[in-house]
Amino acid sequence: MLGLELAYVGELLVPGIILGVVGIILIGLTIFWPRSSKPVVTAVSPVETMPLGPSPAWQSASTGPVAVFARTITWPALVDPEAGELDDQERRRVIDGLGIVGDAWCAGILAKAFDEEEGDLRVAAIEALGQCDGEIVGRTLERAYASYSIPERYAAIDGASRRADVALLERALRDTDGTVALAAAYGLHRAKRDDLIDRNLSGRTDARANEIRRVLPILSGV
């Protein structure tokens, strides 16, 4: 009977001893296992919000705040203070109308439109300016000719041709765009300054000069 009791106690002690040994091994592993250098990653919300304002917190200190300028159209108020906001088509009609009138006061408004508009409306303002009187016209056409935009330069030279602005037309004979250079040559021909054309083309064998020599007599009806 005593033997059976000892055997039963032995059966109970063996699993306990095994669990104790396993526990000691796990504790040792946690103590002596090399710690990872990776930071602990905590769960974050999948959607993060950024504050919007004149100086957002996420902007880089190296770049500083980014300035955003809204384009403001104010020139229609010079025609009618009660005009309010006009859409692109309405402003285009006003620009064309100012060019038809062509007085010096129109030129002042169109010069402001040239500064405030962009794209096709800016080109339209230059074209209308070329039909106006006033000292401001020549200065604005010179500024328009300094543009990187070929349509703007072409419109400026077309206006200079209408006004017989010989100095600006002669400059444009060497324009990098062939259509602008040809328009300048035609303007000088209309101003009866073929001598300037011949002088500027003398010795030139580039494609633009050859195109002027070929097309100008056709345009002039020679």
Protein backbone atom coordinates (compact mmCIF):
# COMPACT_ATOMS: atom_id res chain seq x y z
CA MET A 1 0.00 0.00 0.00
CA LEU A 2 2.82 2.36 0.89
CA GLY A 3 4.49 1.58 -2.40
CA LEU A 4 1.41 2.52 -4.32
CA GLU A 5 1.22 5.85 -2.52
CA LEU A 6 4.89 6.61 -3.24
CA ALA A 7 4.39 5.76 -6.89
CA TYR A 8 1.38 8.09 -7.06
CA VAL A 9 3.34 10.93 -5.45
CA GLY A 10 6.16 10.35 -7.89
CA GLU A 11 3.79 10.65 -10.80
CA LEU A 12 2.62 14.03 -9.47
CA LEU A 13 6.14 15.36 -8.83
CA VAL A 14 7.63 14.52 -12.24
CA PRO A 15 5.45 16.98 -14.28
CA GLY A 16 6.02 19.68 -11.68
CA ILE A 17 9.79 19.23 -11.86
CA ILE A 18 9.69 19.37 -15.68
CA LEU A 19 7.63 22.60 -15.67
CA GLY A 20 10.02 24.15 -13.18
CA VAL A 21 13.03 23.34 -15.33
CA VAL A 22 11.33 24.79 -18.42
CA GLY A 23 10.48 27.96 -16.50
CA ILE A 24 14.10 28.40 -15.39
CA ILE A 25 15.29 27.98 -18.99
CA LEU A 26 12.85 30.64 -20.24
CA ILE A 27 13.89 33.09 -17.52
CA GLY A 28 17.53 32.57 -18.47
CA LEU A 29 16.80 33.20 -22.13
CA THR A 30 15.06 36.49 -21.36
CA ILE A 31 17.99 37.65 -19.23
CA PHE A 32 20.88 36.66 -21.50
CA TRP A 33 19.24 37.00 -24.98
CA PRO A 34 20.77 40.03 -26.86
CA ARG A 35 18.41 42.96 -26.92
CA SER A 36 17.24 44.22 -30.36
CA SER A 37 18.29 47.73 -31.43
CA LYS A 38 15.07 48.25 -33.34
CA PRO A 39 12.65 50.73 -31.78
CA VAL A 40 9.38 49.50 -30.50
CA VAL A 41 6.65 50.15 -33.05
CA THR A 42 3.35 51.23 -31.64
CA ALA A 43 0.11 51.06 -33.51
CA VAL A 44 -1.05 54.36 -35.03
CA SER A 45 -4.16 55.43 -36.74
CA PRO A 46 -4.05 54.72 -40.51
CA VAL A 47 -5.25 58.28 -41.21
CA GLU A 48 -3.18 61.26 -40.10
CA THR A 49 -4.24 64.88 -40.42
CA MET A 50 -1.93 67.81 -41.14
CA PRO A 51 -2.74 71.33 -40.01
CA LEU A 52 -3.26 73.76 -42.90
CA GLY A 53 -2.27 77.37 -42.55
CA PRO A 54 0.24 80.00 -43.64
CA SER A 55 3.08 78.05 -42.00
CA PRO A 56 2.24 74.32 -41.74
CA ALA A 57 4.16 72.32 -39.15
CA TRP A 58 5.26 69.77 -41.76
CA GLN A 59 7.21 72.26 -43.82
CA SER A 60 10.94 71.76 -43.96
CA ALA A 61 13.01 74.28 -42.05
CA SER A 62 15.44 74.40 -44.99
CA THR A 63 12.82 75.61 -47.47
CA GLY A 64 10.78 77.81 -45.17
CA PRO A 65 7.18 78.80 -45.81
CA VAL A 66 5.98 78.58 -49.40
CA ALA A 67 4.25 81.72 -50.63
CA VAL A 68 1.19 81.20 -52.80
CA PHE A 69 -0.01 84.25 -54.69
CA ALA A 70 -3.52 84.46 -56.02
CA ARG A 71 -3.87 86.23 -59.37
CA THR A 72 -6.02 89.34 -58.97
CA ILE A 73 -7.83 90.91 -61.93
CA THR A 74 -8.54 94.57 -61.23
CA TRP A 75 -8.32 96.27 -64.63
CA PRO A 76 -12.06 95.96 -65.57
CA ALA A 77 -12.84 98.36 -62.70
CA LEU A 78 -10.95 101.05 -64.63
CA VAL A 79 -13.57 100.76 -67.36
CA ASP A 80 -16.57 100.47 -65.03
CA PRO A 81 -16.19 100.58 -61.22
CA GLU A 82 -19.46 98.65 -60.94
CA ALA A 83 -18.39 95.91 -63.34
CA GLY A 84 -17.80 93.30 -60.65
CA GLU A 85 -16.14 90.02 -61.54
CA LEU A 86 -16.09 89.16 -65.25
CA ASP A 87 -15.37 85.75 -66.70
CA ASP A 88 -12.75 85.13 -69.42
CA GLN A 89 -15.13 85.67 -72.35
CA GLU A 90 -16.49 88.91 -70.92
CA ARG A 91 -13.00 90.26 -70.31
CA ARG A 92 -12.01 89.26 -73.85
CA ARG A 93 -14.90 91.30 -75.27
CA VAL A 94 -13.87 94.32 -73.22
CA ILE A 95 -10.25 94.00 -74.36
CA ASP A 96 -11.27 93.80 -78.01
CA GLY A 97 -13.58 96.80 -77.56
CA LEU A 98 -10.79 98.88 -76.06
CA GLY A 99 -8.59 98.04 -79.05
CA ILE A 100 -11.33 99.18 -81.43
CA VAL A 101 -11.70 102.51 -79.62
CA GLY A 102 -7.91 102.89 -79.58
CA ASP A 103 -7.66 106.09 -77.52
CA ALA A 104 -4.80 106.79 -75.14
CA TRP A 105 -6.98 106.06 -72.08
CA CYS A 106 -7.70 102.64 -73.57
CA ALA A 107 -3.97 101.98 -73.85
CA GLY A 108 -3.48 102.61 -70.14
CA ILE A 109 -6.15 100.07 -69.24
CA LEU A 110 -4.81 97.52 -71.73
CA ALA A 111 -1.31 97.90 -70.30
CA LYS A 112 -2.70 96.96 -66.89
CA ALA A 113 -4.60 94.06 -68.46
CA PHE A 114 -1.32 92.89 -70.00
CA ASP A 115 0.23 92.80 -66.52
CA GLU A 116 -2.68 91.01 -64.86
CA GLU A 117 -3.86 88.53 -67.49
CA GLU A 118 -2.19 85.37 -68.74
CA GLY A 119 -2.41 83.04 -71.71
CA ASP A 120 -4.73 84.00 -74.58
CA LEU A 121 -6.10 87.06 -72.77
CA ARG A 122 -2.59 88.42 -72.29
CA VAL A 123 -1.94 87.99 -76.02
CA ALA A 124 -5.29 89.69 -76.77
CA ALA A 125 -4.26 92.65 -74.61
CA ILE A 126 -1.02 93.02 -76.59
CA GLU A 127 -2.89 92.84 -79.90
CA ALA A 128 -5.37 95.49 -78.77
CA LEU A 129 -2.53 97.71 -77.54
CA GLY A 130 -1.03 97.72 -81.01
CA GLN A 131 -4.16 99.50 -82.25
CA CYS A 132 -4.02 102.27 -79.64
CA ASP A 133 -2.39 105.67 -79.32
CA GLY A 134 -0.24 106.88 -76.46
CA GLU A 135 3.33 106.71 -75.23
CA ILE A 136 2.58 103.78 -72.97
CA VAL A 137 1.95 101.59 -76.02
CA GLY A 138 5.55 101.52 -77.18
CA ARG A 139 6.90 100.79 -73.70
CA THR A 140 4.42 97.97 -73.16
CA LEU A 141 5.14 96.43 -76.56
CA GLU A 142 8.84 96.39 -75.70
CA ARG A 143 8.04 94.57 -72.46
CA ALA A 144 5.83 92.13 -74.34
CA TYR A 145 8.59 91.42 -76.85
CA ALA A 146 10.88 90.44 -73.93
CA SER A 147 8.53 87.52 -73.17
CA TYR A 148 9.56 83.88 -73.50
CA SER A 149 6.16 83.21 -75.09
CA ILE A 150 6.29 83.19 -78.91
CA PRO A 151 2.63 84.29 -79.33
CA GLU A 152 3.30 87.28 -77.07
CA ARG A 153 6.43 88.26 -78.99
CA TYR A 154 4.59 87.86 -82.28
CA ALA A 155 1.71 90.05 -81.07
CA ALA A 156 4.20 92.68 -79.90
CA ILE A 157 5.92 92.76 -83.31
CA ASP A 158 2.58 92.92 -85.08
CA GLY A 159 1.74 95.96 -82.95
CA ALA A 160 5.16 97.47 -83.66
CA SER A 161 4.51 96.97 -87.39
CA ARG A 162 1.23 98.90 -87.13
CA ARG A 163 3.04 101.74 -85.35
CA ALA A 164 6.13 101.61 -87.60
CA ASP A 165 8.31 101.13 -84.52
CA VAL A 166 11.49 100.70 -86.53
CA ALA A 167 13.81 100.17 -83.55
CA LEU A 168 11.78 97.27 -82.15
CA LEU A 169 11.25 95.73 -85.59
CA GLU A 170 14.97 95.78 -86.32
CA ARG A 171 15.69 94.02 -83.02
CA ALA A 172 13.18 91.32 -83.90
CA LEU A 173 14.88 90.51 -87.21
CA ARG A 174 17.20 88.26 -85.21
CA ASP A 175 14.48 86.62 -83.14
CA THR A 176 15.03 82.92 -82.48
CA ASP A 177 11.57 82.15 -83.88
CA GLY A 178 11.28 82.34 -87.68
CA THR A 179 7.67 83.60 -87.73
CA VAL A 180 8.53 86.50 -85.42
CA ALA A 181 11.59 87.41 -87.49
CA LEU A 182 9.54 87.28 -90.70
CA ALA A 183 6.84 89.52 -89.17
CA ALA A 184 9.55 92.00 -88.21
CA ALA A 185 10.92 92.01 -91.76
CA TYR A 186 7.45 92.59 -93.18
CA GLY A 187 6.91 95.44 -90.72
CA LEU A 188 10.15 97.09 -91.83
CA HIS A 189 9.09 96.66 -95.46
CA ARG A 190 5.78 98.37 -94.71
CA ALA A 191 7.73 101.19 -93.05
CA LYS A 192 9.82 101.48 -96.25
CA ARG A 193 13.00 100.45 -94.45
CA ASP A 194 14.18 97.67 -96.73
CA ASP A 195 17.67 99.04 -96.22
CA LEU A 196 17.57 97.80 -92.63
CA ILE A 197 16.45 94.38 -93.78
CA ASP A 198 19.29 94.12 -96.30
CA ARG A 199 21.84 95.33 -93.76
CA ASN A 200 20.74 92.83 -91.10
CA LEU A 201 20.55 89.90 -93.50
CA SER A 202 23.86 90.64 -95.14
CA GLY A 203 26.26 87.76 -94.66
CA ARG A 204 23.67 85.61 -92.89
CA THR A 205 23.09 82.10 -94.20
CA ASP A 206 20.97 80.70 -91.36
CA ALA A 207 17.54 79.18 -91.99
CA ARG A 208 15.63 82.20 -90.65
CA ALA A 209 17.45 84.65 -92.90
CA ASN A 210 16.92 82.40 -95.93
CA GLU A 211 13.21 82.10 -95.12
CA ILE A 212 12.88 85.89 -94.98
CA ARG A 213 14.59 86.21 -98.36
CA ARG A 214 12.25 83.59 -99.82
CA VAL A 215 8.90 84.64 -98.32
CA LEU A 216 9.15 88.43 -98.00
CA PRO A 217 8.91 89.10 -101.77
CA ILE A 218 5.77 86.95 -101.84
CA LEU A 219 4.18 88.87 -98.97
CA SER A 220 5.20 92.17 -100.52
CA GLY A 221 3.83 91.29 -103.91
CA VAL A 222 7.19 91.90 -105.56
